[in-house]
Full PDB file with SEQRES, HELIX, SHEET, SSBOND, CRYST1, ORIGX, SCALE, CONECT and MASTER records, all heavy atoms in Angstrom:
SEQRES   1 A   33  PHE VAL GLU ASP ASP ASP VAL ILE ARG GLU ALA THR GLN          
SEQRES   2 A   33  LEU ALA LEU GLU ARG ASP GLY PHE ALA VAL THR ALA MET          
SEQRES   3 A   33  PRO ASP GLY LEU SER GLY LEU                                  
HELIX    1 AA1 ASP A    6  ARG A   18  1                                  13    
HELIX    2 AA2 GLY A   29  GLY A   32  1                                   4    
CRYST1    1.000    1.000    1.000  90.00  90.00  90.00 P 1           1          
ORIGX1      1.000000  0.000000  0.000000        0.00000                         
ORIGX2      0.000000  1.000000  0.000000        0.00000                         
ORIGX3      0.000000  0.000000  1.000000        0.00000                         
SCALE1      1.000000  0.000000  0.000000        0.00000                         
SCALE2      0.000000  1.000000  0.000000        0.00000                         
SCALE3      0.000000  0.000000  1.000000        0.00000                         
ATOM      1  N   PHE A   1       0.849  -1.185   0.000  1.00  0.00           N  
ATOM      2  CA  PHE A   1       0.000   0.000   0.000  1.00  0.00           C  
ATOM      3  C   PHE A   1       0.887   1.239   0.000  1.00  0.00           C  
ATOM      4  O   PHE A   1       1.661   1.455   0.931  1.00  0.00           O  
ATOM      5  CB  PHE A   1      -0.908  -0.024   1.233  1.00  0.00           C  
ATOM      6  CG  PHE A   1      -1.821   1.163   1.357  1.00  0.00           C  
ATOM      7  CD1 PHE A   1      -2.435   1.726   0.254  1.00  0.00           C  
ATOM      8  CD2 PHE A   1      -2.075   1.717   2.604  1.00  0.00           C  
ATOM      9  CE1 PHE A   1      -3.280   2.822   0.378  1.00  0.00           C  
ATOM     10  CE2 PHE A   1      -2.911   2.809   2.749  1.00  0.00           C  
ATOM     11  CZ  PHE A   1      -3.524   3.361   1.633  1.00  0.00           C  
ATOM     12  N   VAL A   2       0.781   2.058  -1.059  1.00  0.00           N  
ATOM     13  CA  VAL A   2       1.592   3.260  -1.183  1.00  0.00           C  
ATOM     14  C   VAL A   2       0.686   4.474  -1.111  1.00  0.00           C  
ATOM     15  O   VAL A   2      -0.151   4.697  -1.995  1.00  0.00           O  
ATOM     16  CB  VAL A   2       2.391   3.263  -2.504  1.00  0.00           C  
ATOM     17  CG1 VAL A   2       3.265   4.505  -2.592  1.00  0.00           C  
ATOM     18  CG2 VAL A   2       3.261   2.006  -2.607  1.00  0.00           C  
ATOM     19  N   GLU A   3       0.837   5.260  -0.054  1.00  0.00           N  
ATOM     20  CA  GLU A   3      -0.033   6.413   0.216  1.00  0.00           C  
ATOM     21  C   GLU A   3       0.747   7.420   1.052  1.00  0.00           C  
ATOM     22  O   GLU A   3       1.332   7.053   2.069  1.00  0.00           O  
ATOM     23  CB  GLU A   3      -1.289   5.943   0.948  1.00  0.00           C  
ATOM     24  CG  GLU A   3      -2.115   7.030   1.607  1.00  0.00           C  
ATOM     25  CD  GLU A   3      -2.717   8.003   0.602  1.00  0.00           C  
ATOM     26  OE1 GLU A   3      -3.514   7.566  -0.243  1.00  0.00           O  
ATOM     27  OE2 GLU A   3      -2.371   9.204   0.678  1.00  0.00           O  
ATOM     28  N   ASP A   4       0.759   8.682   0.617  1.00  0.00           N  
ATOM     29  CA  ASP A   4       1.562   9.675   1.327  1.00  0.00           C  
ATOM     30  C   ASP A   4       0.824  10.343   2.487  1.00  0.00           C  
ATOM     31  O   ASP A   4       1.461  10.929   3.361  1.00  0.00           O  
ATOM     32  CB  ASP A   4       2.074  10.751   0.355  1.00  0.00           C  
ATOM     33  CG  ASP A   4       0.957  11.554  -0.263  1.00  0.00           C  
ATOM     34  OD1 ASP A   4      -0.104  10.966  -0.567  1.00  0.00           O  
ATOM     35  OD2 ASP A   4       1.140  12.774  -0.463  1.00  0.00           O  
ATOM     36  N   ASP A   5      -0.489  10.257   2.531  1.00  0.00           N  
ATOM     37  CA  ASP A   5      -1.248  10.837   3.640  1.00  0.00           C  
ATOM     38  C   ASP A   5      -1.144   9.907   4.846  1.00  0.00           C  
ATOM     39  O   ASP A   5      -1.617   8.758   4.803  1.00  0.00           O  
ATOM     40  CB  ASP A   5      -2.713  11.034   3.228  1.00  0.00           C  
ATOM     41  CG  ASP A   5      -3.529  11.747   4.289  1.00  0.00           C  
ATOM     42  OD1 ASP A   5      -3.722  11.172   5.373  1.00  0.00           O  
ATOM     43  OD2 ASP A   5      -3.986  12.880   4.025  1.00  0.00           O  
ATOM     44  N   ASP A   6      -0.539  10.392   5.918  1.00  0.00           N  
ATOM     45  CA  ASP A   6      -0.291   9.553   7.091  1.00  0.00           C  
ATOM     46  C   ASP A   6      -1.571   8.975   7.680  1.00  0.00           C  
ATOM     47  O   ASP A   6      -1.623   7.796   8.057  1.00  0.00           O  
ATOM     48  CB  ASP A   6       0.447  10.351   8.170  1.00  0.00           C  
ATOM     49  CG  ASP A   6       1.850  10.745   7.743  1.00  0.00           C  
ATOM     50  OD1 ASP A   6       2.375  10.116   6.805  1.00  0.00           O  
ATOM     51  OD2 ASP A   6       2.419  11.681   8.340  1.00  0.00           O  
ATOM     52  N   VAL A   7      -2.616   9.806   7.780  1.00  0.00           N  
ATOM     53  CA  VAL A   7      -3.869   9.354   8.392  1.00  0.00           C  
ATOM     54  C   VAL A   7      -4.518   8.260   7.553  1.00  0.00           C  
ATOM     55  O   VAL A   7      -4.920   7.207   8.067  1.00  0.00           O  
ATOM     56  CB  VAL A   7      -4.840  10.541   8.576  1.00  0.00           C  
ATOM     57  CG1 VAL A   7      -6.199  10.039   9.075  1.00  0.00           C  
ATOM     58  CG2 VAL A   7      -4.261  11.563   9.546  1.00  0.00           C  
ATOM     59  N   ILE A   8      -4.610   8.491   6.237  1.00  0.00           N  
ATOM     60  CA  ILE A   8      -5.220   7.494   5.350  1.00  0.00           C  
ATOM     61  C   ILE A   8      -4.396   6.216   5.339  1.00  0.00           C  
ATOM     62  O   ILE A   8      -4.937   5.105   5.395  1.00  0.00           O  
ATOM     63  CB  ILE A   8      -5.355   8.053   3.919  1.00  0.00           C  
ATOM     64  CG1 ILE A   8      -6.340   9.226   3.896  1.00  0.00           C  
ATOM     65  CG2 ILE A   8      -5.812   6.961   2.947  1.00  0.00           C  
ATOM     66  CD1 ILE A   8      -6.458   9.908   2.556  1.00  0.00           C  
ATOM     67  N   ARG A   9      -3.071   6.367   5.284  1.00  0.00           N  
ATOM     68  CA  ARG A   9      -2.205   5.195   5.214  1.00  0.00           C  
ATOM     69  C   ARG A   9      -2.361   4.323   6.462  1.00  0.00           C  
ATOM     70  O   ARG A   9      -2.527   3.103   6.365  1.00  0.00           O  
ATOM     71  CB  ARG A   9      -0.744   5.627   5.043  1.00  0.00           C  
ATOM     72  CG  ARG A   9       0.201   4.449   4.801  1.00  0.00           C  
ATOM     73  CD  ARG A   9       1.622   4.902   4.509  1.00  0.00           C  
ATOM     74  NE  ARG A   9       2.242   5.583   5.642  1.00  0.00           N  
ATOM     75  CZ  ARG A   9       2.451   6.903   5.705  1.00  0.00           C  
ATOM     76  NH1 ARG A   9       2.112   7.687   4.692  1.00  0.00           N  
ATOM     77  NH2 ARG A   9       3.020   7.444   6.765  1.00  0.00           N  
ATOM     78  N   GLU A  10      -2.314   4.969   7.624  1.00  0.00           N  
ATOM     79  CA  GLU A  10      -2.386   4.200   8.869  1.00  0.00           C  
ATOM     80  C   GLU A  10      -3.766   3.595   9.083  1.00  0.00           C  
ATOM     81  O   GLU A  10      -3.884   2.422   9.484  1.00  0.00           O  
ATOM     82  CB  GLU A  10      -1.999   5.096  10.044  1.00  0.00           C  
ATOM     83  CG  GLU A  10      -0.525   5.520  10.011  1.00  0.00           C  
ATOM     84  CD  GLU A  10      -0.194   6.574  11.050  1.00  0.00           C  
ATOM     85  OE1 GLU A  10      -1.073   6.848  11.905  1.00  0.00           O  
ATOM     86  OE2 GLU A  10       0.924   7.112  11.020  1.00  0.00           O  
ATOM     87  N   ALA A  11      -4.821   4.363   8.787  1.00  0.00           N  
ATOM     88  CA  ALA A  11      -6.183   3.862   8.989  1.00  0.00           C  
ATOM     89  C   ALA A  11      -6.484   2.709   8.041  1.00  0.00           C  
ATOM     90  O   ALA A  11      -7.094   1.700   8.430  1.00  0.00           O  
ATOM     91  CB  ALA A  11      -7.196   4.990   8.791  1.00  0.00           C  
ATOM     92  N   THR A  12      -6.066   2.855   6.794  1.00  0.00           N  
ATOM     93  CA  THR A  12      -6.330   1.804   5.803  1.00  0.00           C  
ATOM     94  C   THR A  12      -5.522   0.552   6.118  1.00  0.00           C  
ATOM     95  O   THR A  12      -6.029  -0.573   5.993  1.00  0.00           O  
ATOM     96  CB  THR A  12      -5.990   2.307   4.385  1.00  0.00           C  
ATOM     97  OG1 THR A  12      -6.751   3.488   4.100  1.00  0.00           O  
ATOM     98  CG2 THR A  12      -6.314   1.242   3.341  1.00  0.00           C  
ATOM     99  N   GLN A  13      -4.291   0.737   6.541  1.00  0.00           N  
ATOM    100  CA  GLN A  13      -3.477  -0.425   6.904  1.00  0.00           C  
ATOM    101  C   GLN A  13      -4.136  -1.204   8.031  1.00  0.00           C  
ATOM    102  O   GLN A  13      -4.238  -2.432   7.976  1.00  0.00           O  
ATOM    103  CB  GLN A  13      -2.068   0.009   7.312  1.00  0.00           C  
ATOM    104  CG  GLN A  13      -1.187  -1.170   7.730  1.00  0.00           C  
ATOM    105  CD  GLN A  13       0.250  -0.761   8.046  1.00  0.00           C  
ATOM    106  OE1 GLN A  13       0.588   0.426   7.967  1.00  0.00           O  
ATOM    107  NE2 GLN A  13       1.085  -1.711   8.384  1.00  0.00           N  
ATOM    108  N   LEU A  14      -4.601  -0.501   9.068  1.00  0.00           N  
ATOM    109  CA  LEU A  14      -5.260  -1.165  10.185  1.00  0.00           C  
ATOM    110  C   LEU A  14      -6.521  -1.892   9.740  1.00  0.00           C  
ATOM    111  O   LEU A  14      -6.791  -3.024  10.159  1.00  0.00           O  
ATOM    112  CB  LEU A  14      -5.597  -0.146  11.276  1.00  0.00           C  
ATOM    113  CG  LEU A  14      -4.415   0.406  12.079  1.00  0.00           C  
ATOM    114  CD1 LEU A  14      -4.880   1.523  12.998  1.00  0.00           C  
ATOM    115  CD2 LEU A  14      -3.745  -0.713  12.875  1.00  0.00           C  
ATOM    116  N   ALA A  15      -7.302  -1.247   8.850  1.00  0.00           N  
ATOM    117  CA  ALA A  15      -8.543  -1.854   8.378  1.00  0.00           C  
ATOM    118  C   ALA A  15      -8.254  -3.125   7.573  1.00  0.00           C  
ATOM    119  O   ALA A  15      -8.935  -4.148   7.733  1.00  0.00           O  
ATOM    120  CB  ALA A  15      -9.314  -0.854   7.515  1.00  0.00           C  
ATOM    121  N   LEU A  16      -7.234  -3.072   6.729  1.00  0.00           N  
ATOM    122  CA  LEU A  16      -6.895  -4.243   5.925  1.00  0.00           C  
ATOM    123  C   LEU A  16      -6.356  -5.373   6.807  1.00  0.00           C  
ATOM    124  O   LEU A  16      -6.667  -6.550   6.591  1.00  0.00           O  
ATOM    125  CB  LEU A  16      -5.868  -3.875   4.864  1.00  0.00           C  
ATOM    126  CG  LEU A  16      -6.355  -2.954   3.736  1.00  0.00           C  
ATOM    127  CD1 LEU A  16      -5.195  -2.585   2.817  1.00  0.00           C  
ATOM    128  CD2 LEU A  16      -7.469  -3.610   2.940  1.00  0.00           C  
ATOM    129  N   GLU A  17      -5.564  -5.006   7.798  1.00  0.00           N  
ATOM    130  CA  GLU A  17      -5.026  -6.026   8.706  1.00  0.00           C  
ATOM    131  C   GLU A  17      -6.137  -6.675   9.520  1.00  0.00           C  
ATOM    132  O   GLU A  17      -6.085  -7.879   9.802  1.00  0.00           O  
ATOM    133  CB  GLU A  17      -3.963  -5.409   9.610  1.00  0.00           C  
ATOM    134  CG  GLU A  17      -2.671  -5.070   8.858  1.00  0.00           C  
ATOM    135  CD  GLU A  17      -1.653  -4.322   9.696  1.00  0.00           C  
ATOM    136  OE1 GLU A  17      -2.045  -3.784  10.758  1.00  0.00           O  
ATOM    137  OE2 GLU A  17      -0.478  -4.263   9.287  1.00  0.00           O  
ATOM    138  N   ARG A  18      -7.148  -5.904   9.883  1.00  0.00           N  
ATOM    139  CA  ARG A  18      -8.292  -6.481  10.600  1.00  0.00           C  
ATOM    140  C   ARG A  18      -9.026  -7.500   9.736  1.00  0.00           C  
ATOM    141  O   ARG A  18      -9.639  -8.433  10.257  1.00  0.00           O  
ATOM    142  CB  ARG A  18      -9.252  -5.379  11.049  1.00  0.00           C  
ATOM    143  CG  ARG A  18      -8.808  -4.635  12.296  1.00  0.00           C  
ATOM    144  CD  ARG A  18      -9.957  -3.888  12.937  1.00  0.00           C  
ATOM    145  NE  ARG A  18     -10.505  -2.887  12.024  1.00  0.00           N  
ATOM    146  CZ  ARG A  18     -10.098  -1.625  11.950  1.00  0.00           C  
ATOM    147  NH1 ARG A  18      -9.128  -1.201  12.750  1.00  0.00           N  
ATOM    148  NH2 ARG A  18     -10.653  -0.785  11.109  1.00  0.00           N  
ATOM    149  N   ASP A  19      -8.968  -7.298   8.416  1.00  0.00           N  
ATOM    150  CA  ASP A  19      -9.617  -8.232   7.502  1.00  0.00           C  
ATOM    151  C   ASP A  19      -8.714  -9.388   7.104  1.00  0.00           C  
ATOM    152  O   ASP A  19      -9.048 -10.156   6.209  1.00  0.00           O  
ATOM    153  CB  ASP A  19     -10.084  -7.487   6.245  1.00  0.00           C  
ATOM    154  CG  ASP A  19     -11.478  -6.905   6.415  1.00  0.00           C  
ATOM    155  OD1 ASP A  19     -12.439  -7.679   6.271  1.00  0.00           O  
ATOM    156  OD2 ASP A  19     -11.603  -5.709   6.700  1.00  0.00           O  
ATOM    157  N   GLY A  20      -7.551  -9.493   7.753  1.00  0.00           N  
ATOM    158  CA  GLY A  20      -6.703 -10.649   7.547  1.00  0.00           C  
ATOM    159  C   GLY A  20      -5.580 -10.498   6.539  1.00  0.00           C  
ATOM    160  O   GLY A  20      -4.880 -11.468   6.241  1.00  0.00           O  
ATOM    161  N   PHE A  21      -5.386  -9.284   6.018  1.00  0.00           N  
ATOM    162  CA  PHE A  21      -4.303  -9.054   5.065  1.00  0.00           C  
ATOM    163  C   PHE A  21      -3.014  -8.693   5.800  1.00  0.00           C  
ATOM    164  O   PHE A  21      -3.045  -8.072   6.863  1.00  0.00           O  
ATOM    165  CB  PHE A  21      -4.652  -7.913   4.102  1.00  0.00           C  
ATOM    166  CG  PHE A  21      -5.825  -8.194   3.207  1.00  0.00           C  
ATOM    167  CD1 PHE A  21      -7.092  -7.721   3.529  1.00  0.00           C  
ATOM    168  CD2 PHE A  21      -5.672  -8.935   2.044  1.00  0.00           C  
ATOM    169  CE1 PHE A  21      -8.179  -7.974   2.714  1.00  0.00           C  
ATOM    170  CE2 PHE A  21      -6.751  -9.191   1.217  1.00  0.00           C  
ATOM    171  CZ  PHE A  21      -8.012  -8.716   1.552  1.00  0.00           C  
ATOM    172  N   ALA A  22      -1.898  -9.075   5.215  1.00  0.00           N  
ATOM    173  CA  ALA A  22      -0.599  -8.582   5.673  1.00  0.00           C  
ATOM    174  C   ALA A  22      -0.273  -7.361   4.820  1.00  0.00           C  
ATOM    175  O   ALA A  22      -0.369  -7.416   3.589  1.00  0.00           O  
ATOM    176  CB  ALA A  22       0.469  -9.650   5.505  1.00  0.00           C  
ATOM    177  N   VAL A  23       0.078  -6.251   5.441  1.00  0.00           N  
ATOM    178  CA  VAL A  23       0.224  -4.994   4.717  1.00  0.00           C  
ATOM    179  C   VAL A  23       1.611  -4.401   4.907  1.00  0.00           C  
ATOM    180  O   VAL A  23       2.101  -4.278   6.030  1.00  0.00           O  
ATOM    181  CB  VAL A  23      -0.830  -3.960   5.180  1.00  0.00           C  
ATOM    182  CG1 VAL A  23      -0.698  -2.664   4.379  1.00  0.00           C  
ATOM    183  CG2 VAL A  23      -2.245  -4.527   5.029  1.00  0.00           C  
ATOM    184  N   THR A  24       2.227  -4.028   3.792  1.00  0.00           N  
ATOM    185  CA  THR A  24       3.425  -3.204   3.817  1.00  0.00           C  
ATOM    186  C   THR A  24       3.020  -1.838   3.299  1.00  0.00           C  
ATOM    187  O   THR A  24       2.595  -1.709   2.146  1.00  0.00           O  
ATOM    188  CB  THR A  24       4.538  -3.785   2.915  1.00  0.00           C  
ATOM    189  OG1 THR A  24       4.926  -5.066   3.408  1.00  0.00           O  
ATOM    190  CG2 THR A  24       5.749  -2.858   2.889  1.00  0.00           C  
ATOM    191  N   ALA A  25       3.098  -0.824   4.161  1.00  0.00           N  
ATOM    192  CA  ALA A  25       2.649   0.523   3.802  1.00  0.00           C  
ATOM    193  C   ALA A  25       3.847   1.444   3.624  1.00  0.00           C  
ATOM    194  O   ALA A  25       4.715   1.514   4.499  1.00  0.00           O  
ATOM    195  CB  ALA A  25       1.708   1.068   4.873  1.00  0.00           C  
ATOM    196  N   MET A  26       3.882   2.156   2.499  1.00  0.00           N  
ATOM    197  CA  MET A  26       4.978   3.059   2.188  1.00  0.00           C  
ATOM    198  C   MET A  26       4.442   4.452   1.840  1.00  0.00           C  
ATOM    199  O   MET A  26       3.367   4.577   1.252  1.00  0.00           O  
ATOM    200  CB  MET A  26       5.807   2.509   1.024  1.00  0.00           C  
ATOM    201  CG  MET A  26       6.563   1.245   1.364  1.00  0.00           C  
ATOM    202  SD  MET A  26       7.807   1.571   2.641  1.00  0.00           S  
ATOM    203  CE  MET A  26       8.429  -0.100   2.955  1.00  0.00           C  
ATOM    204  N   PRO A  27       5.216   5.516   2.178  1.00  0.00           N  
ATOM    205  CA  PRO A  27       4.720   6.883   2.006  1.00  0.00           C  
ATOM    206  C   PRO A  27       5.038   7.516   0.657  1.00  0.00           C  
ATOM    207  O   PRO A  27       4.571   8.621   0.386  1.00  0.00           O  
ATOM    208  CB  PRO A  27       5.427   7.640   3.136  1.00  0.00           C  
ATOM    209  CG  PRO A  27       6.757   6.937   3.249  1.00  0.00           C  
ATOM    210  CD  PRO A  27       6.463   5.490   2.984  1.00  0.00           C  
ATOM    211  N   ASP A  28       5.843   6.868  -0.178  1.00  0.00           N  
ATOM    212  CA  ASP A  28       6.204   7.486  -1.455  1.00  0.00           C  
ATOM    213  C   ASP A  28       6.514   6.396  -2.485  1.00  0.00           C  
ATOM    214  O   ASP A  28       6.669   5.224  -2.144  1.00  0.00           O  
ATOM    215  CB  ASP A  28       7.409   8.418  -1.295  1.00  0.00           C  
ATOM    216  CG  ASP A  28       8.645   7.691  -0.768  1.00  0.00           C  
ATOM    217  OD1 ASP A  28       9.287   6.985  -1.558  1.00  0.00           O  
ATOM    218  OD2 ASP A  28       8.952   7.828   0.435  1.00  0.00           O  
ATOM    219  N   GLY A  29       6.606   6.817  -3.744  1.00  0.00           N  
ATOM    220  CA  GLY A  29       6.760   5.862  -4.817  1.00  0.00           C  
ATOM    221  C   GLY A  29       8.083   5.122  -4.830  1.00  0.00           C  
ATOM    222  O   GLY A  29       8.131   3.926  -5.137  1.00  0.00           O  
ATOM    223  N   LEU A  30       9.163   5.801  -4.487  1.00  0.00           N  
ATOM    224  CA  LEU A  30      10.472   5.156  -4.518  1.00  0.00           C  
ATOM    225  C   LEU A  30      10.587   4.065  -3.450  1.00  0.00           C  
ATOM    226  O   LEU A  30      11.097   2.977  -3.716  1.00  0.00           O  
ATOM    227  CB  LEU A  30      11.576   6.197  -4.346  1.00  0.00           C  
ATOM    228  CG  LEU A  30      11.764   7.154  -5.533  1.00  0.00           C  
ATOM    229  CD1 LEU A  30      12.792   8.224  -5.209  1.00  0.00           C  
ATOM    230  CD2 LEU A  30      12.172   6.375  -6.788  1.00  0.00           C  
ATOM    231  N   SER A  31      10.107   4.366  -2.243  1.00  0.00           N  
ATOM    232  CA  SER A  31      10.136   3.340  -1.197  1.00  0.00           C  
ATOM    233  C   SER A  31       9.144   2.224  -1.538  1.00  0.00           C  
ATOM    234  O   SER A  31       9.375   1.053  -1.213  1.00  0.00           O  
ATOM    235  CB  SER A  31       9.813   3.939   0.171  1.00  0.00           C  
ATOM    236  OG  SER A  31       8.501   4.464   0.211  1.00  0.00           O  
ATOM    237  N   GLY A  32       8.064   2.580  -2.215  1.00  0.00           N  
ATOM    238  CA  GLY A  32       7.102   1.574  -2.645  1.00  0.00           C  
ATOM    239  C   GLY A  32       7.707   0.620  -3.658  1.00  0.00           C  
ATOM    240  O   GLY A  32       7.491  -0.593  -3.600  1.00  0.00           O  
ATOM    241  N   LEU A  33       8.480   1.154  -4.593  1.00  0.00           N  
ATOM    242  CA  LEU A  33       9.135   0.312  -5.596  1.00  0.00           C  
ATOM    243  C   LEU A  33      10.147  -0.616  -4.936  1.00  0.00           C  
ATOM    244  O   LEU A  33      10.237  -1.803  -5.272  1.00  0.00           O  
ATOM    245  CB  LEU A  33       9.811   1.186  -6.650  1.00  0.00           C  
ATOM    246  CG  LEU A  33      10.545   0.445  -7.778  1.00  0.00           C  
ATOM    247  CD1 LEU A  33       9.577  -0.437  -8.567  1.00  0.00           C  
ATOM    248  CD2 LEU A  33      11.240   1.443  -8.710  1.00  0.00           C  
TER     249      LEU A  33                                                      
MASTER        0    0    0    2    0    0    0    6  248    1    0    3          
END                                                                             
């Protein structure tokens, strides 16, 4: 999950993890790549 907005990134990561996904969240495209 690549998202630069801290609030959206953290909230979405938590929501996906609650649904059983393993999530790697990154704040920019280079770290995402």
